[in-house]
Amino acid sequence: MEFEGAVASQYLGLFNTTTNGLPTNHVFAVELDTIKSPEFNDIDGNHVGIDVNSLQSYASATASFYSDREGDNKTLKLISGKSIQLWVDYDEKDMLLNVTVAPLGTRKPWMPLLSARLDLSKTLVESMYVGFSASTGSMASDQYILGWSFNKSGPLQDLEYTKLPPPPPPRRRSRSKPDFRIVIPLVITSLLIMTLIGAAYKMWMKKYEEVREEWEQEYGPRRFSYRDLYKATKGFKGKKVLGIGGLALR
């Protein structure tokens, strides 16, 4: 009933690094895997596997189903979000395990996806639990069981598709509304900063402002701008001034 130390992600909430592969686990599972885990020698990121006491599959195959109508295998994307159905049939006498998948609403294909000779007598004990386990890893996802049936002494009961509940609709990311308690102070602060910058620039320009007399426009004598003189004397410091006074003749 308990899986002590079991972790999520690629361990599916069943095992961990020390318990994975132990014969004392007594766990038989069919995995639907949408992530490739190299440590378990996964064949790809879209496969069905038969697991016995370990997440390194006894047998696995890329998810697909045999189309009786077209007479060919069709790829089945497990992560597509579309509902699928799975059949697990085990013949204890012949020690034959068949695993079949198909889209929901499709008749069970006559050709299984996986077929393996497997002796489960040492794995299955007299008292066992039947259930489901799931987890997410690098790619978050939701898993839903819409319906299931189990029978240990005969064929499975067919599911009535019309009575199955529809899967929940995909969750939409909500667009967060702006918090005007934050936005308004930011706008006011920005306007204040822009005003201060404008005032500082105006004072800086005024420092170099000069008056141009009318007679200069007519004769255009060689002159140095107030700005050039201010920079050359570093603010008219005494040590930088070359002379005092001057005369302009008309």
C-alpha atoms as a PDB file:
ATOM      1  CA  MET A   1       0.000   0.000   0.000  1.00  0.00           C
ATOM      2  CA  GLU A   2       2.961   2.319   0.520  1.00  0.00           C
ATOM      3  CA  PHE A   3       5.837   3.220  -1.752  1.00  0.00           C
ATOM      4  CA  GLU A   4       8.436   4.501   0.681  1.00  0.00           C
ATOM      5  CA  GLY A   5      10.912   6.914  -0.851  1.00  0.00           C
ATOM      6  CA  ALA A   6       9.196   6.835  -4.247  1.00  0.00           C
ATOM      7  CA  VAL A   7       9.829   9.953  -6.317  1.00  0.00           C
ATOM      8  CA  ALA A   8       7.997  11.607  -9.185  1.00  0.00           C
ATOM      9  CA  SER A   9       9.286  12.565 -12.626  1.00  0.00           C
ATOM     10  CA  GLN A  10      10.700   9.542 -14.500  1.00  0.00           C
ATOM     11  CA  TYR A  11      10.087   7.265 -11.479  1.00  0.00           C
ATOM     12  CA  LEU A  12       6.295   7.731 -11.805  1.00  0.00           C
ATOM     13  CA  GLY A  13       5.784   7.784  -8.032  1.00  0.00           C
ATOM     14  CA  LEU A  14       6.625   4.062  -7.823  1.00  0.00           C
ATOM     15  CA  PHE A  15      10.377   3.668  -7.299  1.00  0.00           C
ATOM     16  CA  ASN A  16      13.585   5.555  -6.638  1.00  0.00           C
ATOM     17  CA  THR A  17      17.227   4.997  -7.529  1.00  0.00           C
ATOM     18  CA  THR A  18      17.656   2.247  -4.935  1.00  0.00           C
ATOM     19  CA  THR A  19      14.334   0.384  -5.299  1.00  0.00           C
ATOM     20  CA  ASN A  20      14.072   0.409  -9.083  1.00  0.00           C
ATOM     21  CA  GLY A  21      14.607  -3.109 -10.433  1.00  0.00           C
ATOM     22  CA  LEU A  22      14.299  -5.055  -7.162  1.00  0.00           C
ATOM     23  CA  PRO A  23      12.467  -8.403  -7.543  1.00  0.00           C
ATOM     24  CA  THR A  24      10.788  -7.792  -4.181  1.00  0.00           C
ATOM     25  CA  ASN A  25       8.805  -4.885  -5.671  1.00  0.00           C
ATOM     26  CA  HIS A  26       6.102  -7.190  -7.100  1.00  0.00           C
ATOM     27  CA  VAL A  27       5.034  -4.467  -9.535  1.00  0.00           C
ATOM     28  CA  PHE A  28       3.724  -5.114 -13.018  1.00  0.00           C
ATOM     29  CA  ALA A  29       2.832  -2.066 -15.102  1.00  0.00           C
ATOM     30  CA  VAL A  30       2.135  -0.864 -18.610  1.00  0.00           C
ATOM     31  CA  GLU A  31       3.579   2.600 -19.066  1.00  0.00           C
ATOM     32  CA  LEU A  32       2.506   5.355 -21.438  1.00  0.00           C
ATOM     33  CA  ASP A  33       5.612   7.512 -21.632  1.00  0.00           C
ATOM     34  CA  THR A  34       5.845  10.942 -23.235  1.00  0.00           C
ATOM     35  CA  ILE A  35       9.415  11.691 -22.108  1.00  0.00           C
ATOM     36  CA  LYS A  36      12.540   9.838 -23.197  1.00  0.00           C
ATOM     37  CA  SER A  37      14.634   8.774 -20.182  1.00  0.00           C
ATOM     38  CA  PRO A  38      18.091   7.571 -21.317  1.00  0.00           C
ATOM     39  CA  GLU A  39      18.797   6.057 -17.891  1.00  0.00           C
ATOM     40  CA  PHE A  40      15.994   3.536 -18.529  1.00  0.00           C
ATOM     41  CA  ASN A  41      17.015   2.953 -22.171  1.00  0.00           C
ATOM     42  CA  ASP A  42      13.753   4.422 -23.481  1.00  0.00           C
ATOM     43  CA  ILE A  43      13.391   4.054 -27.230  1.00  0.00           C
ATOM     44  CA  ASP A  44      11.808   7.497 -27.712  1.00  0.00           C
ATOM     45  CA  GLY A  45       9.567  10.117 -26.123  1.00  0.00           C
ATOM     46  CA  ASN A  46       6.296   8.546 -27.302  1.00  0.00           C
ATOM     47  CA  HIS A  47       6.187   4.874 -26.386  1.00  0.00           C
ATOM     48  CA  VAL A  48       4.268   2.152 -24.584  1.00  0.00           C
ATOM     49  CA  GLY A  49       6.261  -0.171 -22.367  1.00  0.00           C
ATOM     50  CA  ILE A  50       5.817  -3.348 -20.320  1.00  0.00           C
ATOM     51  CA  ASP A  51       7.470  -2.932 -16.920  1.00  0.00           C
ATOM     52  CA  VAL A  52       8.211  -5.694 -14.414  1.00  0.00           C
ATOM     53  CA  ASN A  53       9.606  -4.442 -11.091  1.00  0.00           C
ATOM     54  CA  SER A  54      11.548  -1.808 -13.005  1.00  0.00           C
ATOM     55  CA  LEU A  55      11.110   1.236 -15.204  1.00  0.00           C
ATOM     56  CA  GLN A  56      13.503  -0.254 -17.727  1.00  0.00           C
ATOM     57  CA  SER A  57      10.861  -1.824 -19.896  1.00  0.00           C
ATOM     58  CA  TYR A  58      10.844  -5.548 -20.574  1.00  0.00           C
ATOM     59  CA  ALA A  59       9.427  -4.663 -24.014  1.00  0.00           C
ATOM     60  CA  SER A  60       8.392  -1.383 -25.613  1.00  0.00           C
ATOM     61  CA  ALA A  61       7.195   0.106 -28.890  1.00  0.00           C
ATOM     62  CA  THR A  62       6.418   3.535 -30.297  1.00  0.00           C
ATOM     63  CA  ALA A  63       2.761   4.326 -29.653  1.00  0.00           C
ATOM     64  CA  SER A  64       0.655   3.328 -32.669  1.00  0.00           C
ATOM     65  CA  PHE A  65      -2.401   1.296 -33.557  1.00  0.00           C
ATOM     66  CA  TYR A  66      -3.337  -1.010 -36.393  1.00  0.00           C
ATOM     67  CA  SER A  67      -6.117   0.396 -38.541  1.00  0.00           C
ATOM     68  CA  ASP A  68      -8.355  -2.483 -39.648  1.00  0.00           C
ATOM     69  CA  ARG A  69      -9.936  -0.245 -42.272  1.00  0.00           C
ATOM     70  CA  GLU A  70      -6.676   0.919 -43.859  1.00  0.00           C
ATOM     71  CA  GLY A  71      -4.689  -2.224 -43.032  1.00  0.00           C
ATOM     72  CA  ASP A  72      -1.701  -0.265 -41.734  1.00  0.00           C
ATOM     73  CA  ASN A  73      -0.172   1.056 -38.500  1.00  0.00           C
ATOM     74  CA  LYS A  74      -1.026   4.632 -37.525  1.00  0.00           C
ATOM     75  CA  THR A  75       1.095   6.708 -35.164  1.00  0.00           C
ATOM     76  CA  LEU A  76      -0.600   7.733 -31.942  1.00  0.00           C
ATOM     77  CA  LYS A  77       0.713  10.833 -30.160  1.00  0.00           C
ATOM     78  CA  LEU A  78       0.277  10.259 -26.445  1.00  0.00           C
ATOM     79  CA  ILE A  79       0.829  13.940 -25.664  1.00  0.00           C
ATOM     80  CA  SER A  80      -1.657  15.209 -28.252  1.00  0.00           C
ATOM     81  CA  GLY A  81      -4.355  15.754 -25.634  1.00  0.00           C
ATOM     82  CA  LYS A  82      -6.764  13.424 -27.452  1.00  0.00           C
ATOM     83  CA  SER A  83      -8.456  10.609 -25.538  1.00  0.00           C
ATOM     84  CA  ILE A  84      -7.095   7.104 -26.132  1.00  0.00           C
ATOM     85  CA  GLN A  85      -7.972   3.629 -24.904  1.00  0.00           C
ATOM     86  CA  LEU A  86      -5.706   0.797 -23.785  1.00  0.00           C
ATOM     87  CA  TRP A  87      -6.220  -2.964 -23.496  1.00  0.00           C
ATOM     88  CA  VAL A  88      -3.966  -5.221 -21.398  1.00  0.00           C
ATOM     89  CA  ASP A  89      -4.646  -8.938 -21.850  1.00  0.00           C
ATOM     90  CA  TYR A  90      -2.672 -11.676 -20.106  1.00  0.00           C
ATOM     91  CA  ASP A  91      -3.120 -15.404 -20.686  1.00  0.00           C
ATOM     92  CA  GLU A  92      -1.712 -17.123 -17.595  1.00  0.00           C
ATOM     93  CA  LYS A  93      -1.734 -20.563 -19.239  1.00  0.00           C
ATOM     94  CA  ASP A  94       0.173 -19.539 -22.343  1.00  0.00           C
ATOM     95  CA  MET A  95       2.075 -16.793 -20.433  1.00  0.00           C
ATOM     96  CA  LEU A  96       1.213 -14.402 -23.254  1.00  0.00           C
ATOM     97  CA  LEU A  97       0.786 -10.672 -22.661  1.00  0.00           C
ATOM     98  CA  ASN A  98      -0.819  -8.420 -25.284  1.00  0.00           C
ATOM     99  CA  VAL A  99      -1.016  -4.627 -25.090  1.00  0.00           C
ATOM    100  CA  THR A 100      -3.202  -2.720 -27.552  1.00  0.00           C
ATOM    101  CA  VAL A 101      -3.902   1.009 -27.916  1.00  0.00           C
ATOM    102  CA  ALA A 102      -6.259   2.990 -30.143  1.00  0.00           C
ATOM    103  CA  PRO A 103      -8.059   6.346 -30.227  1.00  0.00           C
ATOM    104  CA  LEU A 104     -11.183   6.554 -28.085  1.00  0.00           C
ATOM    105  CA  GLY A 105     -14.250   5.314 -29.949  1.00  0.00           C
ATOM    106  CA  THR A 106     -12.237   2.966 -32.169  1.00  0.00           C
ATOM    107  CA  ARG A 107     -12.892  -0.772 -32.061  1.00  0.00           C
ATOM    108  CA  LYS A 108     -10.140  -2.855 -30.550  1.00  0.00           C
ATOM    109  CA  PRO A 109      -7.635  -3.628 -33.338  1.00  0.00           C
ATOM    110  CA  TRP A 110      -7.055  -7.321 -33.923  1.00  0.00           C
ATOM    111  CA  MET A 111      -3.292  -6.769 -33.956  1.00  0.00           C
ATOM    112  CA  PRO A 112      -1.779  -5.707 -30.583  1.00  0.00           C
ATOM    113  CA  LEU A 113       0.973  -3.135 -30.303  1.00  0.00           C
ATOM    114  CA  LEU A 114       3.024  -5.334 -27.948  1.00  0.00           C
ATOM    115  CA  SER A 115       2.975  -9.096 -27.582  1.00  0.00           C
ATOM    116  CA  ALA A 116       5.413 -10.828 -25.231  1.00  0.00           C
ATOM    117  CA  ARG A 117       5.896 -14.181 -23.563  1.00  0.00           C
ATOM    118  CA  LEU A 118       6.138 -13.382 -19.903  1.00  0.00           C
ATOM    119  CA  ASP A 119       5.933 -15.465 -16.733  1.00  0.00           C
ATOM    120  CA  LEU A 120       4.320 -13.255 -14.117  1.00  0.00           C
ATOM    121  CA  SER A 121       3.884 -16.004 -11.511  1.00  0.00           C
ATOM    122  CA  LYS A 122       6.821 -14.691  -9.452  1.00  0.00           C
ATOM    123  CA  THR A 123       5.712 -11.074  -9.785  1.00  0.00           C
ATOM    124  CA  LEU A 124       1.996 -11.378  -9.078  1.00  0.00           C
ATOM    125  CA  VAL A 125       1.109 -12.612  -5.603  1.00  0.00           C
ATOM    126  CA  GLU A 126      -2.186 -13.781  -4.110  1.00  0.00           C
ATOM    127  CA  SER A 127      -3.194 -10.354  -2.787  1.00  0.00           C
ATOM    128  CA  MET A 128      -2.525  -7.446  -5.149  1.00  0.00           C
ATOM    129  CA  TYR A 129      -3.754  -3.914  -5.852  1.00  0.00           C
ATOM    130  CA  VAL A 130      -4.819  -2.629  -9.258  1.00  0.00           C
ATOM    131  CA  GLY A 131      -4.553   1.077  -9.936  1.00  0.00           C
ATOM    132  CA  PHE A 132      -2.909   3.973 -11.721  1.00  0.00           C
ATOM    133  CA  SER A 133       0.110   6.163 -11.121  1.00  0.00           C
ATOM    134  CA  ALA A 134       1.266   9.245 -12.989  1.00  0.00           C
ATOM    135  CA  SER A 135       3.724  12.097 -12.662  1.00  0.00           C
ATOM    136  CA  THR A 136       5.216  14.932 -14.660  1.00  0.00           C
ATOM    137  CA  GLY A 137       8.822  15.845 -15.341  1.00  0.00           C
ATOM    138  CA  SER A 138      10.390  18.506 -17.548  1.00  0.00           C
ATOM    139  CA  MET A 139       7.074  18.939 -19.385  1.00  0.00           C
ATOM    140  CA  ALA A 140       4.023  19.470 -17.186  1.00  0.00           C
ATOM    141  CA  SER A 141       0.873  17.632 -18.209  1.00  0.00           C
ATOM    142  CA  ASP A 142      -2.465  16.390 -16.873  1.00  0.00           C
ATOM    143  CA  GLN A 143      -3.658  12.786 -16.982  1.00  0.00           C
ATOM    144  CA  TYR A 144      -7.316  11.762 -16.732  1.00  0.00           C
ATOM    145  CA  ILE A 145      -8.871   8.314 -16.391  1.00  0.00           C
ATOM    146  CA  LEU A 146     -12.286   8.574 -18.046  1.00  0.00           C
ATOM    147  CA  GLY A 147     -13.261   4.949 -17.419  1.00  0.00           C
ATOM    148  CA  TRP A 148     -11.804   1.503 -16.830  1.00  0.00           C
ATOM    149  CA  SER A 149     -12.765  -2.123 -16.261  1.00  0.00           C
ATOM    150  CA  PHE A 150     -10.883  -5.085 -14.793  1.00  0.00           C
ATOM    151  CA  ASN A 151     -11.472  -8.816 -14.838  1.00  0.00           C
ATOM    152  CA  LYS A 152      -9.032 -11.505 -13.714  1.00  0.00           C
ATOM    153  CA  SER A 153     -11.054 -14.492 -14.904  1.00  0.00           C
ATOM    154  CA  GLY A 154     -12.433 -13.582 -18.293  1.00  0.00           C
ATOM    155  CA  PRO A 155     -12.776 -10.932 -21.019  1.00  0.00           C
ATOM    156  CA  LEU A 156     -13.029  -7.275 -20.120  1.00  0.00           C
ATOM    157  CA  GLN A 157     -16.337  -5.487 -20.054  1.00  0.00           C
ATOM    158  CA  ASP A 158     -16.669  -3.120 -22.993  1.00  0.00           C
ATOM    159  CA  LEU A 159     -16.854   0.562 -22.092  1.00  0.00           C
ATOM    160  CA  GLU A 160     -19.923   2.510 -23.149  1.00  0.00           C
ATOM    161  CA  TYR A 161     -18.395   5.562 -24.799  1.00  0.00           C
ATOM    162  CA  THR A 162     -21.566   7.633 -24.501  1.00  0.00           C
ATOM    163  CA  LYS A 163     -21.449   7.340 -20.714  1.00  0.00           C
ATOM    164  CA  LEU A 164     -17.830   8.392 -20.362  1.00  0.00           C
ATOM    165  CA  PRO A 165     -17.321  11.926 -19.038  1.00  0.00           C
ATOM    166  CA  PRO A 166     -15.617  14.364 -21.379  1.00  0.00           C
ATOM    167  CA  PRO A 167     -12.075  15.375 -20.444  1.00  0.00           C
ATOM    168  CA  PRO A 168     -11.780  18.816 -18.836  1.00  0.00           C
ATOM    169  CA  PRO A 169     -11.086  21.635 -21.318  1.00  0.00           C
ATOM    170  CA  PRO A 170      -7.507  22.910 -21.545  1.00  0.00           C
ATOM    171  CA  ARG A 171      -6.710  25.497 -18.933  1.00  0.00           C
ATOM    172  CA  ARG A 172      -6.164  28.972 -20.327  1.00  0.00           C
ATOM    173  CA  ARG A 173      -3.525  31.249 -18.956  1.00  0.00           C
ATOM    174  CA  SER A 174      -5.281  34.184 -17.358  1.00  0.00           C
ATOM    175  CA  ARG A 175      -4.067  37.583 -18.441  1.00  0.00           C
ATOM    176  CA  SER A 176      -3.217  39.452 -15.289  1.00  0.00           C
ATOM    177  CA  LYS A 177      -4.871  42.855 -15.031  1.00  0.00           C
ATOM    178  CA  PRO A 178      -2.605  45.811 -14.224  1.00  0.00           C
ATOM    179  CA  ASP A 179      -2.640  46.969 -10.624  1.00  0.00           C
ATOM    180  CA  PHE A 180      -3.388  50.694 -10.892  1.00  0.00           C
ATOM    181  CA  ARG A 181      -2.177  51.171  -7.330  1.00  0.00           C
ATOM    182  CA  ILE A 182       1.277  50.477  -8.742  1.00  0.00           C
ATOM    183  CA  VAL A 183       0.894  51.839 -12.285  1.00  0.00           C
ATOM    184  CA  ILE A 184      -0.344  55.330 -11.318  1.00  0.00           C
ATOM    185  CA  PRO A 185       2.555  56.097  -8.902  1.00  0.00           C
ATOM    186  CA  LEU A 186       5.006  54.850 -11.537  1.00  0.00           C
ATOM    187  CA  VAL A 187       3.504  57.182 -14.159  1.00  0.00           C
ATOM    188  CA  ILE A 188       3.610  60.161 -11.792  1.00  0.00           C
ATOM    189  CA  THR A 189       7.216  59.367 -10.822  1.00  0.00           C
ATOM    190  CA  SER A 190       8.201  59.094 -14.494  1.00  0.00           C
ATOM    191  CA  LEU A 191       6.621  62.471 -15.327  1.00  0.00           C
ATOM    192  CA  LEU A 192       8.372  64.086 -12.363  1.00  0.00           C
ATOM    193  CA  ILE A 193      11.746  62.700 -13.469  1.00  0.00           C
ATOM    194  CA  MET A 194      11.177  63.931 -17.023  1.00  0.00           C
ATOM    195  CA  THR A 195      10.268  67.396 -15.701  1.00  0.00           C
ATOM    196  CA  LEU A 196      13.420  67.566 -13.571  1.00  0.00           C
ATOM    197  CA  ILE A 197      15.572  66.475 -16.512  1.00  0.00           C
ATOM    198  CA  GLY A 198      13.983  69.129 -18.733  1.00  0.00           C
ATOM    199  CA  ALA A 199      14.569  71.853 -16.104  1.00  0.00           C
ATOM    200  CA  ALA A 200      18.191  70.800 -15.640  1.00  0.00           C
ATOM    201  CA  TYR A 201      18.782  70.845 -19.388  1.00  0.00           C
ATOM    202  CA  LYS A 202      17.246  74.310 -19.668  1.00  0.00           C
ATOM    203  CA  MET A 203      19.515  75.633 -16.876  1.00  0.00           C
ATOM    204  CA  TRP A 204      22.548  74.046 -18.558  1.00  0.00           C
ATOM    205  CA  MET A 205      21.694  75.729 -21.861  1.00  0.00           C
ATOM    206  CA  LYS A 206      21.084  79.080 -20.153  1.00  0.00           C
ATOM    207  CA  LYS A 207      24.582  78.964 -18.639  1.00  0.00           C
ATOM    208  CA  TYR A 208      26.030  79.200 -22.150  1.00  0.00           C
ATOM    209  CA  GLU A 209      23.442  81.659 -23.439  1.00  0.00           C
ATOM    210  CA  GLU A 210      24.794  84.823 -25.124  1.00  0.00           C
ATOM    211  CA  VAL A 211      23.365  87.965 -26.698  1.00  0.00           C
ATOM    212  CA  ARG A 212      24.224  88.761 -30.301  1.00  0.00           C
ATOM    213  CA  GLU A 213      24.165  92.506 -31.079  1.00  0.00           C
ATOM    214  CA  GLU A 214      22.751  93.973 -34.295  1.00  0.00           C
ATOM    215  CA  TRP A 215      26.068  95.415 -35.565  1.00  0.00           C
ATOM    216  CA  GLU A 216      27.621  91.928 -35.340  1.00  0.00           C
ATOM    217  CA  GLN A 217      25.054  90.593 -37.744  1.00  0.00           C
ATOM    218  CA  GLU A 218      26.014  93.317 -40.302  1.00  0.00           C
ATOM    219  CA  TYR A 219      29.829  93.105 -40.162  1.00  0.00           C
ATOM    220  CA  GLY A 220      30.295  89.639 -38.755  1.00  0.00           C
ATOM    221  CA  PRO A 221      33.592  90.088 -36.842  1.00  0.00           C
ATOM    222  CA  ARG A 222      35.569  87.111 -35.639  1.00  0.00           C
ATOM    223  CA  ARG A 223      34.230  86.295 -32.233  1.00  0.00           C
ATOM    224  CA  PHE A 224      34.445  83.509 -29.684  1.00  0.00           C
ATOM    225  CA  SER A 225      31.223  82.259 -28.244  1.00  0.00           C
ATOM    226  CA  TYR A 226      30.570  82.503 -24.556  1.00  0.00           C
ATOM    227  CA  ARG A 227      30.358  78.715 -24.466  1.00  0.00           C
ATOM    228  CA  ASP A 228      33.826  78.274 -26.003  1.00  0.00           C
ATOM    229  CA  LEU A 229      35.333  80.824 -23.605  1.00  0.00           C
ATOM    230  CA  TYR A 230      33.634  79.202 -20.620  1.00  0.00           C
ATOM    231  CA  LYS A 231      35.045  75.795 -21.533  1.00  0.00           C
ATOM    232  CA  ALA A 232      38.510  77.153 -22.392  1.00  0.00           C
ATOM    233  CA  THR A 233      38.843  78.949 -19.033  1.00  0.00           C
ATOM    234  CA  LYS A 234      37.068  76.182 -17.100  1.00  0.00           C
ATOM    235  CA  GLY A 235      34.452  78.557 -15.803  1.00  0.00           C
ATOM    236  CA  PHE A 236      36.554  81.775 -16.054  1.00  0.00           C
ATOM    237  CA  LYS A 237      39.017  80.703 -13.416  1.00  0.00           C
ATOM    238  CA  GLY A 238      41.735  83.271 -12.696  1.00  0.00           C
ATOM    239  CA  LYS A 239      44.602  81.022 -13.792  1.00  0.00           C
ATOM    240  CA  LYS A 240      42.980  80.406 -17.174  1.00  0.00           C
ATOM    241  CA  VAL A 241      42.143  84.007 -18.130  1.00  0.00           C
ATOM    242  CA  LEU A 242      44.607  85.517 -20.651  1.00  0.00           C
ATOM    243  CA  GLY A 243      43.504  89.144 -20.388  1.00  0.00           C
ATOM    244  CA  ILE A 244      40.860  91.592 -19.259  1.00  0.00           C
ATOM    245  CA  GLY A 245      39.083  94.269 -21.265  1.00  0.00           C
ATOM    246  CA  GLY A 246      38.715  94.849 -24.983  1.00  0.00           C
ATOM    247  CA  LEU A 247      37.734  97.336 -27.682  1.00  0.00           C
ATOM    248  CA  ALA A 248      35.545  96.974 -30.664  1.00  0.00           C
ATOM    249  CA  LEU A 249      35.681  99.648 -33.393  1.00  0.00           C
ATOM    250  CA  ARG A 250      32.859 100.329 -35.846  1.00  0.00           C
END
